């Protein structure tokens, strides 16, 4: 019976935490961003989840190499490849830009009249 008890304990010990946080362009926590975890070798989906109210997320993963894909409606997407996990891993904060901002960081005009030569 002792061997049955060691099985699940051994499996849990093989898992590591992979965690991080997602912020918006104003450096505020981004709640509800989808974080997609993909096995880098097989390209198979491992798991996806949503960031919490503090913009944080946490996966329990086996040792290996992964990709993370960050998605949220009305925000730019971001992919991070080649994340090697062999111990608990804390990733740098990821910032997703609102689609209301252009590539240079200037706020995009609304209403479509920007740049018009009409007087």
PDB file of N, CA and C in Angstrom:
ATOM      1  N   UNK A   1       0.805  -1.187   0.000  1.00  0.00           N
ATOM      2  CA  UNK A   1       0.000   0.000   0.000  1.00  0.00           C
ATOM      3  C   UNK A   1       0.855   1.261   0.000  1.00  0.00           C
ATOM      4  N   UNK A   2       2.021   1.221   0.552  1.00  0.00           N
ATOM      5  CA  UNK A   2       2.892   2.391   0.594  1.00  0.00           C
ATOM      6  C   UNK A   2       3.254   2.862  -0.811  1.00  0.00           C
ATOM      7  N   UNK A   3       3.424   1.926  -1.749  1.00  0.00           N
ATOM      8  CA  UNK A   3       3.784   2.329  -3.105  1.00  0.00           C
ATOM      9  C   UNK A   3       2.654   3.112  -3.774  1.00  0.00           C
ATOM     10  N   UNK A   4       1.422   2.828  -3.428  1.00  0.00           N
ATOM     11  CA  UNK A   4       0.310   3.588  -3.987  1.00  0.00           C
ATOM     12  C   UNK A   4       0.325   5.031  -3.488  1.00  0.00           C
ATOM     13  N   UNK A   5       0.724   5.236  -2.263  1.00  0.00           N
ATOM     14  CA  UNK A   5       0.787   6.591  -1.718  1.00  0.00           C
ATOM     15  C   UNK A   5       1.935   7.383  -2.320  1.00  0.00           C
ATOM     16  N   UNK A   6       3.008   6.735  -2.707  1.00  0.00           N
ATOM     17  CA  UNK A   6       4.159   7.457  -3.257  1.00  0.00           C
ATOM     18  C   UNK A   6       3.928   7.905  -4.692  1.00  0.00           C
ATOM     19  N   UNK A   7       3.064   7.224  -5.441  1.00  0.00           N
ATOM     20  CA  UNK A   7       2.818   7.586  -6.835  1.00  0.00           C
ATOM     21  C   UNK A   7       2.369   9.028  -7.001  1.00  0.00           C
ATOM     22  N   UNK A   8       1.242   9.434  -6.404  1.00  0.00           N
ATOM     23  CA  UNK A   8       0.780  10.810  -6.571  1.00  0.00           C
ATOM     24  C   UNK A   8       1.733  11.838  -5.989  1.00  0.00           C
ATOM     25  N   UNK A   9       2.389  11.510  -4.867  1.00  0.00           N
ATOM     26  CA  UNK A   9       3.342  12.443  -4.281  1.00  0.00           C
ATOM     27  C   UNK A   9       4.502  12.665  -5.243  1.00  0.00           C
ATOM     28  N   UNK A  10       5.005  11.610  -5.850  1.00  0.00           N
ATOM     29  CA  UNK A  10       6.092  11.745  -6.819  1.00  0.00           C
ATOM     30  C   UNK A  10       5.679  12.564  -8.027  1.00  0.00           C
ATOM     31  N   UNK A  11       4.446  12.392  -8.505  1.00  0.00           N
ATOM     32  CA  UNK A  11       3.968  13.161  -9.653  1.00  0.00           C
ATOM     33  C   UNK A  11       3.869  14.636  -9.312  1.00  0.00           C
ATOM     34  N   UNK A  12       3.351  14.956  -8.131  1.00  0.00           N
ATOM     35  CA  UNK A  12       3.219  16.356  -7.731  1.00  0.00           C
ATOM     36  C   UNK A  12       4.590  17.009  -7.602  1.00  0.00           C
ATOM     37  N   UNK A  13       5.588  16.251  -7.152  1.00  0.00           N
ATOM     38  CA  UNK A  13       6.937  16.801  -6.988  1.00  0.00           C
ATOM     39  C   UNK A  13       7.579  17.111  -8.339  1.00  0.00           C
ATOM     40  N   UNK A  14       7.105  16.504  -9.422  1.00  0.00           N
ATOM     41  CA  UNK A  14       7.661  16.752 -10.748  1.00  0.00           C
ATOM     42  C   UNK A  14       7.082  18.000 -11.401  1.00  0.00           C
ATOM     43  N   UNK A  15       6.116  18.645 -10.754  1.00  0.00           N
ATOM     44  CA  UNK A  15       5.505  19.846 -11.315  1.00  0.00           C
ATOM     45  C   UNK A  15       6.160  21.102 -10.754  1.00  0.00           C
ATOM     46  N   UNK A  16       6.245  22.106 -11.601  1.00  0.00           N
ATOM     47  CA  UNK A  16       6.824  23.393 -11.201  1.00  0.00           C
ATOM     48  C   UNK A  16       5.819  24.494 -11.497  1.00  0.00           C
ATOM     49  N   UNK A  17       5.883  25.576 -10.735  1.00  0.00           N
ATOM     50  CA  UNK A  17       5.028  26.723 -11.013  1.00  0.00           C
ATOM     51  C   UNK A  17       5.673  27.608 -12.064  1.00  0.00           C
ATOM     52  N   UNK A  18       4.871  28.000 -13.020  1.00  0.00           N
ATOM     53  CA  UNK A  18       5.253  28.975 -14.042  1.00  0.00           C
ATOM     54  C   UNK A  18       4.259  30.115 -13.862  1.00  0.00           C
ATOM     55  N   UNK A  19       4.760  31.285 -13.473  1.00  0.00           N
ATOM     56  CA  UNK A  19       3.845  32.366 -13.157  1.00  0.00           C
ATOM     57  C   UNK A  19       4.341  33.705 -13.675  1.00  0.00           C
ATOM     58  N   UNK A  20       3.407  34.631 -13.787  1.00  0.00           N
ATOM     59  CA  UNK A  20       3.745  35.961 -14.254  1.00  0.00           C
ATOM     60  C   UNK A  20       2.545  36.870 -14.110  1.00  0.00           C
ATOM     61  N   UNK A  21       2.624  38.039 -14.752  1.00  0.00           N
ATOM     62  CA  UNK A  21       1.542  39.017 -14.680  1.00  0.00           C
ATOM     63  C   UNK A  21       1.432  39.751 -16.008  1.00  0.00           C
ATOM     64  N   UNK A  22       0.222  40.228 -16.284  1.00  0.00           N
ATOM     65  CA  UNK A  22      -0.074  40.955 -17.514  1.00  0.00           C
ATOM     66  C   UNK A  22      -0.609  42.335 -17.129  1.00  0.00           C
ATOM     67  N   UNK A  23      -0.056  43.369 -17.781  1.00  0.00           N
ATOM     68  CA  UNK A  23      -0.481  44.741 -17.526  1.00  0.00           C
ATOM     69  C   UNK A  23      -0.876  45.412 -18.828  1.00  0.00           C
ATOM     70  N   UNK A  24      -1.642  46.491 -18.714  1.00  0.00           N
ATOM     71  CA  UNK A  24      -2.033  47.238 -19.902  1.00  0.00           C
ATOM     72  C   UNK A  24      -1.026  48.358 -20.168  1.00  0.00           C
ATOM     73  N   UNK A  25      -1.330  49.205 -21.150  1.00  0.00           N
ATOM     74  CA  UNK A  25      -0.408  50.259 -21.537  1.00  0.00           C
ATOM     75  C   UNK A  25      -0.263  51.353 -20.486  1.00  0.00           C
ATOM     76  N   UNK A  26      -1.141  51.363 -19.493  1.00  0.00           N
ATOM     77  CA  UNK A  26      -1.024  52.319 -18.391  1.00  0.00           C
ATOM     78  C   UNK A  26      -0.387  51.679 -17.164  1.00  0.00           C
ATOM     79  N   UNK A  27       0.148  50.469 -17.359  1.00  0.00           N
ATOM     80  CA  UNK A  27       0.805  49.695 -16.300  1.00  0.00           C
ATOM     81  C   UNK A  27      -0.146  49.313 -15.176  1.00  0.00           C
ATOM     82  N   UNK A  28      -1.412  49.104 -15.565  1.00  0.00           N
ATOM     83  CA  UNK A  28      -2.418  48.613 -14.631  1.00  0.00           C
ATOM     84  C   UNK A  28      -2.632  47.126 -14.889  1.00  0.00           C
ATOM     85  N   UNK A  29      -2.951  46.345 -13.842  1.00  0.00           N
ATOM     86  CA  UNK A  29      -3.195  44.913 -14.043  1.00  0.00           C
ATOM     87  C   UNK A  29      -4.288  44.695 -15.078  1.00  0.00           C
ATOM     88  N   UNK A  30      -4.076  43.719 -15.944  1.00  0.00           N
ATOM     89  CA  UNK A  30      -5.031  43.418 -17.012  1.00  0.00           C
ATOM     90  C   UNK A  30      -5.781  42.140 -16.653  1.00  0.00           C
ATOM     91  N   UNK A  31      -6.990  42.303 -16.144  1.00  0.00           N
ATOM     92  CA  UNK A  31      -7.831  41.178 -15.752  1.00  0.00           C
ATOM     93  C   UNK A  31      -8.461  40.560 -17.003  1.00  0.00           C
ATOM     94  N   UNK A  32      -8.548  39.245 -17.022  1.00  0.00           N
ATOM     95  CA  UNK A  32      -9.252  38.544 -18.085  1.00  0.00           C
ATOM     96  C   UNK A  32      -8.467  38.346 -19.364  1.00  0.00           C
ATOM     97  N   UNK A  33      -7.165  38.576 -19.331  1.00  0.00           N
ATOM     98  CA  UNK A  33      -6.342  38.260 -20.504  1.00  0.00           C
ATOM     99  C   UNK A  33      -6.195  36.746 -20.576  1.00  0.00           C
ATOM    100  N   UNK A  34      -6.302  36.199 -21.787  1.00  0.00           N
ATOM    101  CA  UNK A  34      -6.130  34.754 -21.953  1.00  0.00           C
ATOM    102  C   UNK A  34      -4.647  34.463 -22.118  1.00  0.00           C
ATOM    103  N   UNK A  35      -4.151  33.532 -21.318  1.00  0.00           N
ATOM    104  CA  UNK A  35      -2.772  33.081 -21.424  1.00  0.00           C
ATOM    105  C   UNK A  35      -2.826  31.628 -21.867  1.00  0.00           C
ATOM    106  N   UNK A  36      -2.215  31.359 -23.014  1.00  0.00           N
ATOM    107  CA  UNK A  36      -2.255  30.039 -23.625  1.00  0.00           C
ATOM    108  C   UNK A  36      -0.870  29.417 -23.499  1.00  0.00           C
ATOM    109  N   UNK A  37      -0.796  28.253 -22.871  1.00  0.00           N
ATOM    110  CA  UNK A  37       0.457  27.529 -22.669  1.00  0.00           C
ATOM    111  C   UNK A  37       0.563  26.421 -23.702  1.00  0.00           C
ATOM    112  N   UNK A  38       1.647  26.425 -24.473  1.00  0.00           N
ATOM    113  CA  UNK A  38       1.854  25.466 -25.557  1.00  0.00           C
ATOM    114  C   UNK A  38       3.189  24.763 -25.344  1.00  0.00           C
ATOM    115  N   UNK A  39       3.210  23.451 -25.544  1.00  0.00           N
ATOM    116  CA  UNK A  39       4.462  22.692 -25.509  1.00  0.00           C
ATOM    117  C   UNK A  39       5.293  23.093 -26.734  1.00  0.00           C
ATOM    118  N   UNK A  40       6.506  23.566 -26.515  1.00  0.00           N
ATOM    119  CA  UNK A  40       7.333  24.081 -27.611  1.00  0.00           C
ATOM    120  C   UNK A  40       7.756  22.996 -28.590  1.00  0.00           C
ATOM    121  N   UNK A  41       7.895  21.768 -28.136  1.00  0.00           N
ATOM    122  CA  UNK A  41       8.352  20.695 -29.025  1.00  0.00           C
ATOM    123  C   UNK A  41       7.220  20.110 -29.856  1.00  0.00           C
ATOM    124  N   UNK A  42       6.112  19.777 -29.221  1.00  0.00           N
ATOM    125  CA  UNK A  42       5.003  19.136 -29.941  1.00  0.00           C
ATOM    126  C   UNK A  42       4.017  20.152 -30.509  1.00  0.00           C
ATOM    127  N   UNK A  43       4.100  21.400 -30.053  1.00  0.00           N
ATOM    128  CA  UNK A  43       3.178  22.484 -30.447  1.00  0.00           C
ATOM    129  C   UNK A  43       1.751  22.211 -29.949  1.00  0.00           C
ATOM    130  N   UNK A  44       1.605  21.290 -29.003  1.00  0.00           N
ATOM    131  CA  UNK A  44       0.296  20.945 -28.454  1.00  0.00           C
ATOM    132  C   UNK A  44      -0.107  21.932 -27.359  1.00  0.00           C
ATOM    133  N   UNK A  45      -1.398  22.238 -27.320  1.00  0.00           N
ATOM    134  CA  UNK A  45      -1.947  23.068 -26.260  1.00  0.00           C
ATOM    135  C   UNK A  45      -1.837  22.303 -24.948  1.00  0.00           C
ATOM    136  N   UNK A  46      -1.244  22.926 -23.940  1.00  0.00           N
ATOM    137  CA  UNK A  46      -1.154  22.311 -22.619  1.00  0.00           C
ATOM    138  C   UNK A  46      -2.333  22.767 -21.770  1.00  0.00           C
ATOM    139  N   UNK A  47      -2.563  24.075 -21.737  1.00  0.00           N
ATOM    140  CA  UNK A  47      -3.648  24.627 -20.931  1.00  0.00           C
ATOM    141  C   UNK A  47      -3.785  26.104 -21.270  1.00  0.00           C
ATOM    142  N   UNK A  48      -4.975  26.645 -21.047  1.00  0.00           N
ATOM    143  CA  UNK A  48      -5.139  28.091 -21.133  1.00  0.00           C
ATOM    144  C   UNK A  48      -5.946  28.544 -19.928  1.00  0.00           C
ATOM    145  N   UNK A  49      -5.727  29.779 -19.518  1.00  0.00           N
ATOM    146  CA  UNK A  49      -6.458  30.340 -18.386  1.00  0.00           C
ATOM    147  C   UNK A  49      -6.549  31.844 -18.556  1.00  0.00           C
ATOM    148  N   UNK A  50      -7.306  32.487 -17.668  1.00  0.00           N
ATOM    149  CA  UNK A  50      -7.461  33.933 -17.693  1.00  0.00           C
ATOM    150  C   UNK A  50      -6.721  34.551 -16.521  1.00  0.00           C
ATOM    151  N   UNK A  51      -6.125  35.715 -16.746  1.00  0.00           N
ATOM    152  CA  UNK A  51      -5.450  36.417 -15.658  1.00  0.00           C
ATOM    153  C   UNK A  51      -6.480  36.885 -14.629  1.00  0.00           C
ATOM    154  N   UNK A  52      -6.058  36.945 -13.378  1.00  0.00           N
ATOM    155  CA  UNK A  52      -6.972  37.336 -12.304  1.00  0.00           C
ATOM    156  C   UNK A  52      -7.063  38.866 -12.200  1.00  0.00           C
ATOM    157  N   UNK A  53      -7.742  39.363 -11.188  1.00  0.00           N
ATOM    158  CA  UNK A  53      -7.952  40.810 -11.018  1.00  0.00           C
ATOM    159  C   UNK A  53      -6.638  41.564 -10.851  1.00  0.00           C
ATOM    160  N   UNK A  54      -5.592  40.888 -10.381  1.00  0.00           N
ATOM    161  CA  UNK A  54      -4.275  41.511 -10.232  1.00  0.00           C
ATOM    162  C   UNK A  54      -3.423  41.328 -11.483  1.00  0.00           C
ATOM    163  N   UNK A  55      -4.017  40.756 -12.546  1.00  0.00           N
ATOM    164  CA  UNK A  55      -3.285  40.521 -13.786  1.00  0.00           C
ATOM    165  C   UNK A  55      -2.379  39.308 -13.725  1.00  0.00           C
ATOM    166  N   UNK A  56      -2.459  38.539 -12.673  1.00  0.00           N
ATOM    167  CA  UNK A  56      -1.548  37.419 -12.477  1.00  0.00           C
ATOM    168  C   UNK A  56      -2.117  36.110 -13.004  1.00  0.00           C
ATOM    169  N   UNK A  57      -1.199  35.202 -13.320  1.00  0.00           N
ATOM    170  CA  UNK A  57      -1.560  33.860 -13.760  1.00  0.00           C
ATOM    171  C   UNK A  57      -0.533  32.888 -13.215  1.00  0.00           C
ATOM    172  N   UNK A  58      -0.933  31.617 -13.133  1.00  0.00           N
ATOM    173  CA  UNK A  58      -0.044  30.584 -12.592  1.00  0.00           C
ATOM    174  C   UNK A  58      -0.410  29.250 -13.207  1.00  0.00           C
ATOM    175  N   UNK A  59       0.593  28.566 -13.736  1.00  0.00           N
ATOM    176  CA  UNK A  59       0.430  27.217 -14.268  1.00  0.00           C
ATOM    177  C   UNK A  59       1.266  26.261 -13.433  1.00  0.00           C
ATOM    178  N   UNK A  60       0.836  25.026 -13.313  1.00  0.00           N
ATOM    179  CA  UNK A  60       1.654  23.934 -12.772  1.00  0.00           C
ATOM    180  C   UNK A  60       2.061  23.100 -13.980  1.00  0.00           C
ATOM    181  N   UNK A  61       3.373  22.994 -14.235  1.00  0.00           N
ATOM    182  CA  UNK A  61       3.861  22.315 -15.434  1.00  0.00           C
ATOM    183  C   UNK A  61       4.992  21.358 -15.107  1.00  0.00           C
ATOM    184  N   UNK A  62       5.161  20.392 -15.988  1.00  0.00           N
ATOM    185  CA  UNK A  62       6.311  19.502 -15.916  1.00  0.00           C
ATOM    186  C   UNK A  62       7.529  20.238 -16.448  1.00  0.00           C
ATOM    187  N   UNK A  63       8.715  19.754 -16.141  1.00  0.00           N
ATOM    188  CA  UNK A  63       9.920  20.325 -16.723  1.00  0.00           C
ATOM    189  C   UNK A  63       9.826  20.227 -18.239  1.00  0.00           C
ATOM    190  N   UNK A  64      10.256  21.251 -18.924  1.00  0.00           N
ATOM    191  CA  UNK A  64      10.187  21.256 -20.376  1.00  0.00           C
ATOM    192  C   UNK A  64      10.334  22.655 -20.929  1.00  0.00           C
ATOM    193  N   UNK A  65      10.087  22.785 -22.219  1.00  0.00           N
ATOM    194  CA  UNK A  65      10.166  24.069 -22.892  1.00  0.00           C
ATOM    195  C   UNK A  65       8.779  24.421 -23.422  1.00  0.00           C
ATOM    196  N   UNK A  66       8.378  25.653 -23.180  1.00  0.00           N
ATOM    197  CA  UNK A  66       7.017  26.082 -23.486  1.00  0.00           C
ATOM    198  C   UNK A  66       7.000  27.401 -24.259  1.00  0.00           C
ATOM    199  N   UNK A  67       5.832  27.693 -24.793  1.00  0.00           N
ATOM    200  CA  UNK A  67       5.527  28.998 -25.368  1.00  0.00           C
ATOM    201  C   UNK A  67       4.308  29.528 -24.619  1.00  0.00           C
ATOM    202  N   UNK A  68       4.271  30.828 -24.412  1.00  0.00           N
ATOM    203  CA  UNK A  68       3.093  31.471 -23.842  1.00  0.00           C
ATOM    204  C   UNK A  68       2.554  32.457 -24.857  1.00  0.00           C
ATOM    205  N   UNK A  69       1.250  32.438 -25.014  1.00  0.00           N
ATOM    206  CA  UNK A  69       0.572  33.357 -25.931  1.00  0.00           C
ATOM    207  C   UNK A  69      -0.426  34.167 -25.112  1.00  0.00           C
ATOM    208  N   UNK A  70      -0.330  35.464 -25.230  1.00  0.00           N
ATOM    209  CA  UNK A  70      -1.177  36.379 -24.467  1.00  0.00           C
ATOM    210  C   UNK A  70      -2.184  37.012 -25.412  1.00  0.00           C
ATOM    211  N   UNK A  71      -3.476  36.959 -25.058  1.00  0.00           N
ATOM    212  CA  UNK A  71      -4.539  37.476 -25.909  1.00  0.00           C
ATOM    213  C   UNK A  71      -5.601  38.175 -25.061  1.00  0.00           C
ATOM    214  N   UNK A  72      -6.103  39.283 -25.573  1.00  0.00           N
ATOM    215  CA  UNK A  72      -7.255  39.960 -24.973  1.00  0.00           C
ATOM    216  C   UNK A  72      -7.873  40.830 -26.048  1.00  0.00           C
ATOM    217  N   UNK A  73      -9.202  40.788 -26.138  1.00  0.00           N
ATOM    218  CA  UNK A  73      -9.909  41.600 -27.124  1.00  0.00           C
ATOM    219  C   UNK A  73      -9.538  43.069 -26.946  1.00  0.00           C
ATOM    220  N   UNK A  74      -9.346  43.759 -28.059  1.00  0.00           N
ATOM    221  CA  UNK A  74      -8.997  45.181 -28.103  1.00  0.00           C
ATOM    222  C   UNK A  74      -7.596  45.494 -27.601  1.00  0.00           C
ATOM    223  N   UNK A  75      -6.739  44.475 -27.503  1.00  0.00           N
ATOM    224  CA  UNK A  75      -5.343  44.657 -27.118  1.00  0.00           C
ATOM    225  C   UNK A  75      -4.465  43.917 -28.114  1.00  0.00           C
ATOM    226  N   UNK A  76      -3.227  44.376 -28.235  1.00  0.00           N
ATOM    227  CA  UNK A  76      -2.279  43.657 -29.069  1.00  0.00           C
ATOM    228  C   UNK A  76      -1.996  42.294 -28.438  1.00  0.00           C
ATOM    229  N   UNK A  77      -1.583  41.350 -29.246  1.00  0.00           N
ATOM    230  CA  UNK A  77      -1.218  40.017 -28.760  1.00  0.00           C
ATOM    231  C   UNK A  77       0.284  39.955 -28.571  1.00  0.00           C
ATOM    232  N   UNK A  78       0.728  39.013 -27.766  1.00  0.00           N
ATOM    233  CA  UNK A  78       2.161  38.829 -27.568  1.00  0.00           C
ATOM    234  C   UNK A  78       2.437  37.351 -27.391  1.00  0.00           C
ATOM    235  N   UNK A  79       3.511  36.853 -28.014  1.00  0.00           N
ATOM    236  CA  UNK A  79       3.949  35.465 -27.872  1.00  0.00           C
ATOM    237  C   UNK A  79       5.367  35.460 -27.323  1.00  0.00           C
ATOM    238  N   UNK A  80       5.626  34.569 -26.380  1.00  0.00           N
ATOM    239  CA  UNK A  80       6.974  34.385 -25.846  1.00  0.00           C
ATOM    240  C   UNK A  80       7.337  32.926 -26.062  1.00  0.00           C
ATOM    241  N   UNK A  81       8.437  32.703 -26.769  1.00  0.00           N
ATOM    242  CA  UNK A  81       8.866  31.338 -27.101  1.00  0.00           C
ATOM    243  C   UNK A  81      10.104  30.958 -26.298  1.00  0.00           C
ATOM    244  N   UNK A  82      10.314  29.650 -26.208  1.00  0.00           N
ATOM    245  CA  UNK A  82      11.539  29.129 -25.604  1.00  0.00           C
ATOM    246  C   UNK A  82      11.645  29.327 -24.106  1.00  0.00           C
ATOM    247  N   UNK A  83      10.556  29.157 -23.387  1.00  0.00           N
ATOM    248  CA  UNK A  83      10.580  29.282 -21.927  1.00  0.00           C
ATOM    249  C   UNK A  83      10.941  27.921 -21.347  1.00  0.00           C
ATOM    250  N   UNK A  84      12.146  27.812 -20.820  1.00  0.00           N
ATOM    251  CA  UNK A  84      12.611  26.553 -20.224  1.00  0.00           C
ATOM    252  C   UNK A  84      12.218  26.526 -18.750  1.00  0.00           C
ATOM    253  N   UNK A  85      11.543  25.448 -18.350  1.00  0.00           N
ATOM    254  CA  UNK A  85      11.095  25.309 -16.966  1.00  0.00           C
ATOM    255  C   UNK A  85      11.684  24.027 -16.396  1.00  0.00           C
ATOM    256  N   UNK A  86      12.515  24.176 -15.357  1.00  0.00           N
ATOM    257  CA  UNK A  86      13.069  23.033 -14.642  1.00  0.00           C
ATOM    258  C   UNK A  86      12.947  23.246 -13.138  1.00  0.00           C
ATOM    259  N   UNK A  87      12.592  24.465 -12.752  1.00  0.00           N
ATOM    260  CA  UNK A  87      12.380  24.855 -11.362  1.00  0.00           C
ATOM    261  C   UNK A  87      11.197  25.827 -11.365  1.00  0.00           C
ATOM    262  N   UNK A  88      10.708  26.232 -10.199  1.00  0.00           N
ATOM    263  CA  UNK A  88       9.675  27.275 -10.211  1.00  0.00           C
ATOM    264  C   UNK A  88      10.192  28.493 -10.979  1.00  0.00           C
ATOM    265  N   UNK A  89       9.363  29.031 -11.865  1.00  0.00           N
ATOM    266  CA  UNK A  89       9.814  30.084 -12.774  1.00  0.00           C
ATOM    267  C   UNK A  89       8.882  31.285 -12.718  1.00  0.00           C
ATOM    268  N   UNK A  90       9.460  32.452 -12.435  1.00  0.00           N
ATOM    269  CA  UNK A  90       8.717  33.718 -12.434  1.00  0.00           C
ATOM    270  C   UNK A  90       9.130  34.476 -13.688  1.00  0.00           C
ATOM    271  N   UNK A  91       8.172  34.783 -14.544  1.00  0.00           N
ATOM    272  CA  UNK A  91       8.453  35.492 -15.782  1.00  0.00           C
ATOM    273  C   UNK A  91       8.345  36.996 -15.583  1.00  0.00           C
ATOM    274  N   UNK A  92       9.015  37.740 -16.451  1.00  0.00           N
ATOM    275  CA  UNK A  92       8.877  39.188 -16.447  1.00  0.00           C
ATOM    276  C   UNK A  92       7.434  39.558 -16.750  1.00  0.00           C
ATOM    277  N   UNK A  93       7.043  40.731 -16.313  1.00  0.00           N
ATOM    278  CA  UNK A  93       5.710  41.241 -16.594  1.00  0.00           C
ATOM    279  C   UNK A  93       5.543  41.448 -18.093  1.00  0.00           C
ATOM    280  N   UNK A  94       4.381  41.092 -18.599  1.00  0.00           N
ATOM    281  CA  UNK A  94       4.055  41.273 -20.012  1.00  0.00           C
ATOM    282  C   UNK A  94       3.082  42.438 -20.129  1.00  0.00           C
ATOM    283  N   UNK A  95       3.340  43.326 -21.089  1.00  0.00           N
ATOM    284  CA  UNK A  95       2.463  44.472 -21.302  1.00  0.00           C
ATOM    285  C   UNK A  95       1.764  44.330 -22.650  1.00  0.00           C
ATOM    286  N   UNK A  96       0.440  44.392 -22.628  1.00  0.00           N
ATOM    287  CA  UNK A  96      -0.343  44.381 -23.853  1.00  0.00           C
ATOM    288  C   UNK A  96      -0.848  45.803 -24.090  1.00  0.00           C
ATOM    289  N   UNK A  97      -0.663  46.292 -25.300  1.00  0.00           N
ATOM    290  CA  UNK A  97      -1.064  47.653 -25.638  1.00  0.00           C
ATOM    291  C   UNK A  97      -2.501  47.673 -26.130  1.00  0.00           C
ATOM    292  N   UNK A  98      -3.245  48.659 -25.662  1.00  0.00           N
ATOM    293  CA  UNK A  98      -4.607  48.864 -26.148  1.00  0.00           C
ATOM    294  C   UNK A  98      -4.543  49.192 -27.625  1.00  0.00           C
ATOM    295  N   UNK A  99      -5.503  48.706 -28.379  1.00  0.00           N
ATOM    296  CA  UNK A  99      -5.533  49.009 -29.809  1.00  0.00           C
ATOM    297  C   UNK A  99      -5.911  50.459 -30.067  1.00  0.00           C
ATOM    298  N   UNK A 100      -6.166  51.228 -29.010  1.00  0.00           N
ATOM    299  CA  UNK A 100      -6.415  52.666 -29.150  1.00  0.00           C
ATOM    300  C   UNK A 100      -5.107  53.441 -29.289  1.00  0.00           C
ATOM    301  N   UNK A 101      -3.979  52.758 -29.219  1.00  0.00           N
ATOM    302  CA  UNK A 101      -2.668  53.404 -29.312  1.00  0.00           C
ATOM    303  C   UNK A 101      -1.991  52.938 -30.580  1.00  0.00           C
ATOM    304  N   UNK A 102      -1.254  53.822 -31.224  1.00  0.00           N
ATOM    305  CA  UNK A 102      -0.545  53.418 -32.439  1.00  0.00           C
ATOM    306  C   UNK A 102       0.808  52.825 -32.085  1.00  0.00           C
ATOM    307  N   UNK A 103       1.553  52.415 -33.072  1.00  0.00           N
ATOM    308  CA  UNK A 103       2.815  51.701 -32.850  1.00  0.00           C
ATOM    309  C   UNK A 103       3.878  52.552 -32.162  1.00  0.00           C
ATOM    310  N   UNK A 104       3.793  53.878 -32.288  1.00  0.00           N
ATOM    311  CA  UNK A 104       4.765  54.766 -31.659  1.00  0.00           C
ATOM    312  C   UNK A 104       4.369  55.157 -30.243  1.00  0.00           C
ATOM    313  N   UNK A 105       3.237  54.654 -29.765  1.00  0.00           N
ATOM    314  CA  UNK A 105       2.799  54.945 -28.413  1.00  0.00           C
ATOM    315  C   UNK A 105       1.928  56.179 -28.304  1.00  0.00           C
ATOM    316  N   UNK A 106       1.563  56.790 -29.418  1.00  0.00           N
ATOM    317  CA  UNK A 106       0.677  57.950 -29.389  1.00  0.00           C
ATOM    318  C   UNK A 106      -0.764  57.470 -29.444  1.00  0.00           C
ATOM    319  N   UNK A 107      -1.630  58.171 -28.750  1.00  0.00           N
ATOM    320  CA  UNK A 107      -3.037  57.772 -28.750  1.00  0.00           C
ATOM    321  C   UNK A 107      -3.630  58.019 -30.125  1.00  0.00           C
ATOM    322  N   UNK A 108      -4.270  56.988 -30.650  1.00  0.00           N
ATOM    323  CA  UNK A 108      -4.880  57.079 -31.971  1.00  0.00           C
ATOM    324  C   UNK A 108      -6.088  57.997 -31.913  1.00  0.00           C
ATOM    325  N   UNK A 109      -6.312  58.719 -32.987  1.00  0.00           N
ATOM    326  CA  UNK A 109      -7.463  59.614 -33.063  1.00  0.00           C
ATOM    327  C   UNK A 109      -8.736  58.803 -33.209  1.00  0.00           C
ATOM    328  N   UNK A 110      -9.803  59.299 -32.623  1.00  0.00           N
ATOM    329  CA  UNK A 110     -11.086  58.631 -32.789  1.00  0.00           C
ATOM    330  C   UNK A 110     -11.950  59.459 -33.726  1.00  0.00           C
ATOM    331  N   UNK A 111     -12.902  58.838 -34.343  1.00  0.00           N
ATOM    332  CA  UNK A 111     -13.819  59.530 -35.217  1.00  0.00           C
ATOM    333  C   UNK A 111     -13.396  59.569 -36.660  1.00  0.00           C
ATOM    334  N   UNK A 112     -12.153  59.208 -36.959  1.00  0.00           N
ATOM    335  CA  UNK A 112     -11.694  59.098 -38.328  1.00  0.00           C
ATOM    336  C   UNK A 112     -11.440  60.413 -39.037  1.00  0.00           C
ATOM    337  N   UNK A 113     -11.450  61.550 -38.334  1.00  0.00           N
ATOM    338  CA  UNK A 113     -11.240  62.820 -39.001  1.00  0.00           C
ATOM    339  C   UNK A 113      -9.812  63.316 -38.881  1.00  0.00           C
ATOM    340  N   UNK A 114      -8.952  62.611 -38.188  1.00  0.00           N
ATOM    341  CA  UNK A 114      -7.576  63.049 -38.032  1.00  0.00           C
ATOM    342  C   UNK A 114      -6.881  63.086 -39.378  1.00  0.00           C
ATOM    343  N   UNK A 115      -6.128  64.124 -39.610  1.00  0.00           N
ATOM    344  CA  UNK A 115      -5.375  64.235 -40.854  1.00  0.00           C
ATOM    345  C   UNK A 115      -6.188  64.773 -42.010  1.00  0.00           C
ATOM    346  N   UNK A 116      -7.409  65.194 -41.774  1.00  0.00           N
ATOM    347  CA  UNK A 116      -8.245  65.709 -42.854  1.00  0.00           C
ATOM    348  C   UNK A 116      -7.841  67.128 -43.218  1.00  0.00           C
ATOM    349  N   UNK A 117      -7.875  67.440 -44.501  1.00  0.00           N
ATOM    350  CA  UNK A 117      -7.525  68.769 -44.959  1.00  0.00           C
ATOM    351  C   UNK A 117      -8.748  69.666 -45.090  1.00  0.00           C
ATOM    352  N   UNK A 118      -9.903  69.175 -44.708  1.00  0.00           N
ATOM    353  CA  UNK A 118     -11.122  69.961 -44.824  1.00  0.00           C
ATOM    354  C   UNK A 118     -11.141  71.049 -43.762  1.00  0.00           C
ATOM    355  N   UNK A 119     -11.600  72.242 -44.129  1.00  0.00           N
ATOM    356  CA  UNK A 119     -11.705  73.331 -43.164  1.00  0.00           C
ATOM    357  C   UNK A 119     -13.119  73.780 -43.024  1.00  0.00           C
TER     358      UNK A 119
END
